[in-house]
Amino acid sequence: MNAQSKLSEKVRSAFGLLLVLAPFAVGLGSLGRQIFLWLRDGRWTSVSVLDLLSWSGVGSQDWIARPNEWIGVWKLLNWLPLSAASLVVGIVLVLAALSDSQ
């Protein structure tokens, strides 16, 4: 293996690790923010997957604010806590990475 292919393999490994850890970081960051706000204000602030989509500008902002189709999907994304969804995605990615490495 030459130096270029070793570097390429390291870059791919680092990128893969980043993809696996990113959902954990989002989930833990969201949960940490919610706990901080609860400790400060004494009331729980829910953060759904729709809140992330709205904040990040991903998807149709009109649909996020006022859905007129796919209402069931909107209700699910509005109900689903961002922290839980991110942690589940992270766990699935870790399990997939571990099964690929064997």
N, C-alpha and C. Protein backbone atom coordinates (compact mmCIF):
# COMPACT_ATOMS: atom_id res chain seq x y z
N MET A 1 0.84 -1.17 0.00
CA MET A 1 0.00 0.00 0.00
C MET A 1 0.89 1.25 0.00
N ASN A 2 0.64 2.15 -0.93
CA ASN A 2 1.46 3.36 -0.97
C ASN A 2 0.91 4.44 -0.03
N ALA A 3 1.65 5.52 0.09
CA ALA A 3 1.30 6.57 1.05
C ALA A 3 -0.04 7.23 0.70
N GLN A 4 -0.32 7.39 -0.58
CA GLN A 4 -1.58 8.02 -1.00
C GLN A 4 -2.78 7.17 -0.62
N SER A 5 -2.69 5.87 -0.82
CA SER A 5 -3.83 5.01 -0.49
C SER A 5 -4.01 4.91 1.02
N LYS A 6 -2.91 4.98 1.80
CA LYS A 6 -3.03 4.98 3.26
C LYS A 6 -3.74 6.25 3.73
N LEU A 7 -3.38 7.38 3.14
CA LEU A 7 -4.02 8.64 3.50
C LEU A 7 -5.50 8.61 3.12
N SER A 8 -5.80 8.08 1.94
CA SER A 8 -7.18 7.98 1.49
C SER A 8 -8.00 7.10 2.43
N GLU A 9 -7.43 6.01 2.89
CA GLU A 9 -8.11 5.12 3.83
C GLU A 9 -8.35 5.83 5.16
N LYS A 10 -7.40 6.62 5.64
CA LYS A 10 -7.56 7.36 6.89
C LYS A 10 -8.66 8.41 6.76
N VAL A 11 -8.72 9.08 5.63
CA VAL A 11 -9.75 10.09 5.40
C VAL A 11 -11.13 9.44 5.39
N ARG A 12 -11.25 8.29 4.70
CA ARG A 12 -12.53 7.58 4.67
C ARG A 12 -12.93 7.12 6.07
N SER A 13 -11.98 6.64 6.84
CA SER A 13 -12.28 6.19 8.20
C SER A 13 -12.72 7.36 9.07
N ALA A 14 -12.04 8.49 8.96
CA ALA A 14 -12.41 9.67 9.75
C ALA A 14 -13.79 10.17 9.36
N PHE A 15 -14.09 10.18 8.06
CA PHE A 15 -15.40 10.62 7.59
C PHE A 15 -16.49 9.68 8.08
N GLY A 16 -16.22 8.38 8.04
CA GLY A 16 -17.19 7.40 8.53
C GLY A 16 -17.45 7.58 10.02
N LEU A 17 -16.39 7.82 10.78
CA LEU A 17 -16.54 8.04 12.22
C LEU A 17 -17.37 9.29 12.49
N LEU A 18 -17.13 10.33 11.72
CA LEU A 18 -17.90 11.56 11.87
C LEU A 18 -19.39 11.32 11.58
N LEU A 19 -19.68 10.55 10.52
CA LEU A 19 -21.07 10.25 10.19
C LEU A 19 -21.76 9.45 11.28
N VAL A 20 -21.02 8.57 11.93
CA VAL A 20 -21.60 7.75 12.98
C VAL A 20 -21.80 8.56 14.26
N LEU A 21 -20.86 9.45 14.57
CA LEU A 21 -20.94 10.20 15.82
C LEU A 21 -21.84 11.43 15.75
N ALA A 22 -22.09 11.96 14.56
CA ALA A 22 -22.89 13.17 14.43
C ALA A 22 -24.29 13.04 15.03
N PRO A 23 -25.02 11.94 14.76
CA PRO A 23 -26.34 11.84 15.39
C PRO A 23 -26.28 11.79 16.92
N PHE A 24 -25.25 11.14 17.48
CA PHE A 24 -25.09 11.14 18.93
C PHE A 24 -24.88 12.56 19.44
N ALA A 25 -24.06 13.33 18.74
CA ALA A 25 -23.80 14.71 19.17
C ALA A 25 -25.07 15.55 19.12
N VAL A 26 -25.86 15.38 18.07
CA VAL A 26 -27.12 16.13 17.96
C VAL A 26 -28.08 15.71 19.08
N GLY A 27 -28.19 14.41 19.31
CA GLY A 27 -29.10 13.92 20.34
C GLY A 27 -28.70 14.38 21.73
N LEU A 28 -27.42 14.23 22.06
CA LEU A 28 -26.96 14.63 23.38
C LEU A 28 -27.00 16.15 23.55
N GLY A 29 -26.67 16.88 22.48
CA GLY A 29 -26.75 18.35 22.55
C GLY A 29 -28.17 18.83 22.76
N SER A 30 -29.10 18.22 22.05
CA SER A 30 -30.51 18.59 22.20
C SER A 30 -31.01 18.27 23.60
N LEU A 31 -30.69 17.08 24.09
CA LEU A 31 -31.11 16.70 25.44
C LEU A 31 -30.46 17.60 26.49
N GLY A 32 -29.18 17.90 26.31
CA GLY A 32 -28.48 18.78 27.24
C GLY A 32 -29.10 20.17 27.29
N ARG A 33 -29.48 20.68 26.12
CA ARG A 33 -30.13 22.00 26.07
C ARG A 33 -31.48 21.96 26.77
N GLN A 34 -32.23 20.88 26.56
CA GLN A 34 -33.53 20.76 27.22
C GLN A 34 -33.37 20.70 28.74
N ILE A 35 -32.39 19.94 29.21
CA ILE A 35 -32.16 19.82 30.65
C ILE A 35 -31.73 21.17 31.22
N PHE A 36 -30.83 21.87 30.52
CA PHE A 36 -30.38 23.19 30.97
C PHE A 36 -31.57 24.14 31.10
N LEU A 37 -32.42 24.19 30.08
CA LEU A 37 -33.57 25.09 30.12
C LEU A 37 -34.54 24.70 31.24
N TRP A 38 -34.70 23.39 31.48
CA TRP A 38 -35.57 22.95 32.57
C TRP A 38 -35.01 23.36 33.93
N LEU A 39 -33.71 23.20 34.10
CA LEU A 39 -33.09 23.60 35.37
C LEU A 39 -33.20 25.11 35.58
N ARG A 40 -33.06 25.87 34.50
CA ARG A 40 -33.11 27.33 34.61
C ARG A 40 -34.54 27.84 34.79
N ASP A 41 -35.49 27.33 33.98
CA ASP A 41 -36.84 27.88 33.97
C ASP A 41 -37.87 27.05 34.72
N GLY A 42 -37.55 25.78 34.97
CA GLY A 42 -38.48 24.91 35.66
C GLY A 42 -39.59 24.37 34.79
N ARG A 43 -39.46 24.50 33.47
CA ARG A 43 -40.46 23.92 32.57
C ARG A 43 -39.75 23.27 31.39
N TRP A 44 -40.30 22.13 30.97
CA TRP A 44 -39.67 21.33 29.92
C TRP A 44 -39.96 21.94 28.56
N THR A 45 -38.92 22.12 27.76
CA THR A 45 -39.04 22.62 26.39
C THR A 45 -38.89 21.45 25.44
N SER A 46 -39.96 21.09 24.75
CA SER A 46 -39.86 19.97 23.83
C SER A 46 -39.24 20.44 22.51
N VAL A 47 -38.40 19.59 21.96
CA VAL A 47 -37.76 19.87 20.67
C VAL A 47 -38.01 18.66 19.79
N SER A 48 -38.76 18.87 18.72
CA SER A 48 -39.11 17.76 17.84
C SER A 48 -38.20 17.75 16.61
N VAL A 49 -38.34 16.71 15.82
CA VAL A 49 -37.60 16.61 14.56
C VAL A 49 -38.02 17.77 13.64
N LEU A 50 -39.30 18.15 13.68
CA LEU A 50 -39.76 19.29 12.87
C LEU A 50 -39.06 20.58 13.27
N ASP A 51 -38.77 20.74 14.56
CA ASP A 51 -38.06 21.94 15.01
C ASP A 51 -36.68 22.02 14.37
N LEU A 52 -35.99 20.87 14.28
CA LEU A 52 -34.68 20.85 13.62
C LEU A 52 -34.81 21.17 12.14
N LEU A 53 -35.79 20.59 11.47
CA LEU A 53 -35.99 20.86 10.05
C LEU A 53 -36.30 22.33 9.81
N SER A 54 -37.11 22.91 10.66
CA SER A 54 -37.45 24.32 10.54
C SER A 54 -36.23 25.20 10.77
N TRP A 55 -35.48 24.90 11.83
CA TRP A 55 -34.29 25.69 12.18
C TRP A 55 -33.22 25.61 11.11
N SER A 56 -33.02 24.41 10.55
CA SER A 56 -31.94 24.22 9.58
C SER A 56 -32.32 24.65 8.16
N GLY A 57 -33.60 24.86 7.92
CA GLY A 57 -34.03 25.27 6.58
C GLY A 57 -34.16 24.11 5.61
N VAL A 58 -34.10 22.88 6.13
CA VAL A 58 -34.22 21.70 5.27
C VAL A 58 -35.70 21.43 5.03
N GLY A 59 -36.03 21.11 3.81
CA GLY A 59 -37.42 20.79 3.49
C GLY A 59 -38.22 22.04 3.18
N SER A 60 -39.47 21.81 2.88
CA SER A 60 -40.39 22.90 2.55
C SER A 60 -40.85 23.59 3.83
N GLN A 61 -40.45 24.84 3.99
CA GLN A 61 -40.82 25.58 5.20
C GLN A 61 -42.34 25.80 5.27
N ASP A 62 -42.99 25.91 4.11
CA ASP A 62 -44.45 26.04 4.11
C ASP A 62 -45.10 24.77 4.67
N TRP A 63 -44.59 23.60 4.25
CA TRP A 63 -45.15 22.34 4.74
C TRP A 63 -44.90 22.18 6.23
N ILE A 64 -43.72 22.59 6.70
CA ILE A 64 -43.40 22.46 8.12
C ILE A 64 -44.34 23.34 8.95
N ALA A 65 -44.63 24.54 8.46
CA ALA A 65 -45.49 25.46 9.22
C ALA A 65 -46.98 25.13 9.06
N ARG A 66 -47.39 24.78 7.83
CA ARG A 66 -48.81 24.53 7.56
C ARG A 66 -48.95 23.37 6.58
N PRO A 67 -48.93 22.14 7.07
CA PRO A 67 -49.03 21.01 6.15
C PRO A 67 -50.44 20.89 5.58
N ASN A 68 -50.52 20.61 4.29
CA ASN A 68 -51.83 20.35 3.67
C ASN A 68 -51.87 18.97 3.03
N GLU A 69 -50.77 18.23 3.14
CA GLU A 69 -50.72 16.84 2.70
C GLU A 69 -49.69 16.12 3.56
N TRP A 70 -49.71 14.82 3.52
CA TRP A 70 -48.83 14.01 4.35
C TRP A 70 -48.95 14.42 5.83
N ILE A 71 -50.18 14.58 6.27
CA ILE A 71 -50.46 15.05 7.62
C ILE A 71 -49.94 14.06 8.67
N GLY A 72 -50.07 12.78 8.40
CA GLY A 72 -49.59 11.77 9.35
C GLY A 72 -48.09 11.84 9.56
N VAL A 73 -47.34 12.07 8.48
CA VAL A 73 -45.88 12.22 8.59
C VAL A 73 -45.56 13.46 9.41
N TRP A 74 -46.28 14.56 9.15
CA TRP A 74 -46.06 15.79 9.90
C TRP A 74 -46.32 15.58 11.38
N LYS A 75 -47.43 14.88 11.71
CA LYS A 75 -47.75 14.62 13.11
C LYS A 75 -46.67 13.78 13.78
N LEU A 76 -46.17 12.77 13.06
CA LEU A 76 -45.11 11.92 13.62
C LEU A 76 -43.84 12.73 13.87
N LEU A 77 -43.42 13.53 12.90
CA LEU A 77 -42.20 14.34 13.07
C LEU A 77 -42.37 15.41 14.14
N ASN A 78 -43.57 15.91 14.30
CA ASN A 78 -43.83 16.91 15.34
C ASN A 78 -43.85 16.27 16.73
N TRP A 79 -44.29 15.01 16.81
CA TRP A 79 -44.36 14.30 18.08
C TRP A 79 -43.00 13.73 18.50
N LEU A 80 -42.19 13.31 17.52
CA LEU A 80 -40.94 12.59 17.78
C LEU A 80 -39.87 13.53 18.37
N PRO A 81 -39.40 13.25 19.59
CA PRO A 81 -38.35 14.09 20.18
C PRO A 81 -37.05 13.98 19.40
N LEU A 82 -36.42 15.10 19.15
CA LEU A 82 -35.17 15.12 18.40
C LEU A 82 -34.09 14.31 19.09
N SER A 83 -34.01 14.42 20.41
CA SER A 83 -32.95 13.71 21.14
C SER A 83 -33.12 12.20 20.97
N ALA A 84 -34.32 11.69 21.11
CA ALA A 84 -34.55 10.25 20.98
C ALA A 84 -34.30 9.78 19.55
N ALA A 85 -34.80 10.52 18.57
CA ALA A 85 -34.61 10.13 17.18
C ALA A 85 -33.13 10.12 16.81
N SER A 86 -32.39 11.11 17.24
CA SER A 86 -30.96 11.19 16.92
C SER A 86 -30.17 10.05 17.57
N LEU A 87 -30.50 9.75 18.82
CA LEU A 87 -29.79 8.68 19.50
C LEU A 87 -30.10 7.32 18.87
N VAL A 88 -31.34 7.09 18.44
CA VAL A 88 -31.69 5.84 17.77
C VAL A 88 -30.95 5.73 16.44
N VAL A 89 -30.92 6.81 15.67
CA VAL A 89 -30.17 6.79 14.40
C VAL A 89 -28.70 6.51 14.66
N GLY A 90 -28.13 7.12 15.69
CA GLY A 90 -26.73 6.87 16.03
C GLY A 90 -26.47 5.42 16.39
N ILE A 91 -27.35 4.81 17.17
CA ILE A 91 -27.20 3.41 17.55
C ILE A 91 -27.29 2.51 16.32
N VAL A 92 -28.23 2.78 15.45
CA VAL A 92 -28.37 1.98 14.22
C VAL A 92 -27.11 2.10 13.37
N LEU A 93 -26.55 3.30 13.24
CA LEU A 93 -25.34 3.47 12.45
C LEU A 93 -24.14 2.75 13.07
N VAL A 94 -24.04 2.78 14.40
CA VAL A 94 -22.94 2.06 15.07
C VAL A 94 -23.08 0.56 14.84
N LEU A 95 -24.30 0.04 15.00
CA LEU A 95 -24.51 -1.39 14.78
C LEU A 95 -24.22 -1.78 13.34
N ALA A 96 -24.61 -0.93 12.39
CA ALA A 96 -24.33 -1.21 10.99
C ALA A 96 -22.82 -1.19 10.72
N ALA A 97 -22.12 -0.23 11.31
CA ALA A 97 -20.67 -0.15 11.12
C ALA A 97 -19.97 -1.36 11.73
N LEU A 98 -20.44 -1.79 12.90
CA LEU A 98 -19.84 -2.95 13.54
C LEU A 98 -20.09 -4.23 12.75
N SER A 99 -21.27 -4.37 12.17
CA SER A 99 -21.56 -5.58 11.39
C SER A 99 -20.79 -5.58 10.07
N ASP A 100 -20.52 -4.41 9.51
CA ASP A 100 -19.72 -4.34 8.27
C ASP A 100 -18.26 -4.65 8.52
N SER A 101 -17.76 -4.35 9.72
CA SER A 101 -16.35 -4.55 9.99
C SER A 101 -16.02 -6.01 10.30
N GLN A 102 -17.03 -6.83 10.51
CA GLN A 102 -16.78 -8.24 10.83
C GLN A 102 -16.77 -9.11 9.61
